[in-house]
């Protein structure tokens, strides 16, 4: 049991308030249930609560092989959107298509803005889903349709991109920040996942005593989806 200091769940036992417990959707096993909360709640809030993604709209998912990226693909596709996913690996892109992406862009070879314009017939996308930050800011604003929405939950490549204010006001763009989810968002997400029997993409499962290897694997950016720690092995 955890003491006074805050800690993550790299532990055999933790305590949480009873109000924070939720029933696991019946179609998920323990590993899938462990992979669900953070990434799916984050993606759900970004797409549903913040960007208000609608059926028939187009959404571009940056860094789509990440845990939150694969969650965004699953949720956006089930919400009825046309999903465009990006990665720098041909193998990952093929898998992202199998996970539900309608189009994929290899950003190591193609200009993502030109690729989006080709896919959309020069219309652009309605929503950009981002967690990368500075490296994707300019192309995101350039690929958004008039009145488009940019929603972000991270800045792993930098937190201070050029403002491009004229682009924002002339194109009537909306810039939205989002962090994790509220309790009601989480409850809505769990109901949606249960209704549509969505399953988080798990790349690998490590035993708890292999935590160092698990972190090294994550740092190598080799995964597609979530890496899970099994505390019971």
Foldseek 3Di string as FASTA:
>chain_A
DDDDDDDDPLDPDDDDDPVPDDDAQPLDDPQQSVLPAFLLLQLLCQQCVPQNDAAAFEEEEEPLLEQNNLSNQQVNVVRRYAYEYEDQDPVLQVVSVVSHHPHYDNVVPDDVLVVQCVVVVNQAGQEYEEAAAQVCVVSNLSRHGQAHEYEYAHHNPDHDHDPPVVSCVVSVYHYYYTHRHDPVSSVVSSVVCSVVVDTWDEFEEAESVCVVVQVVVVVVVPGRHDYHYDPPD
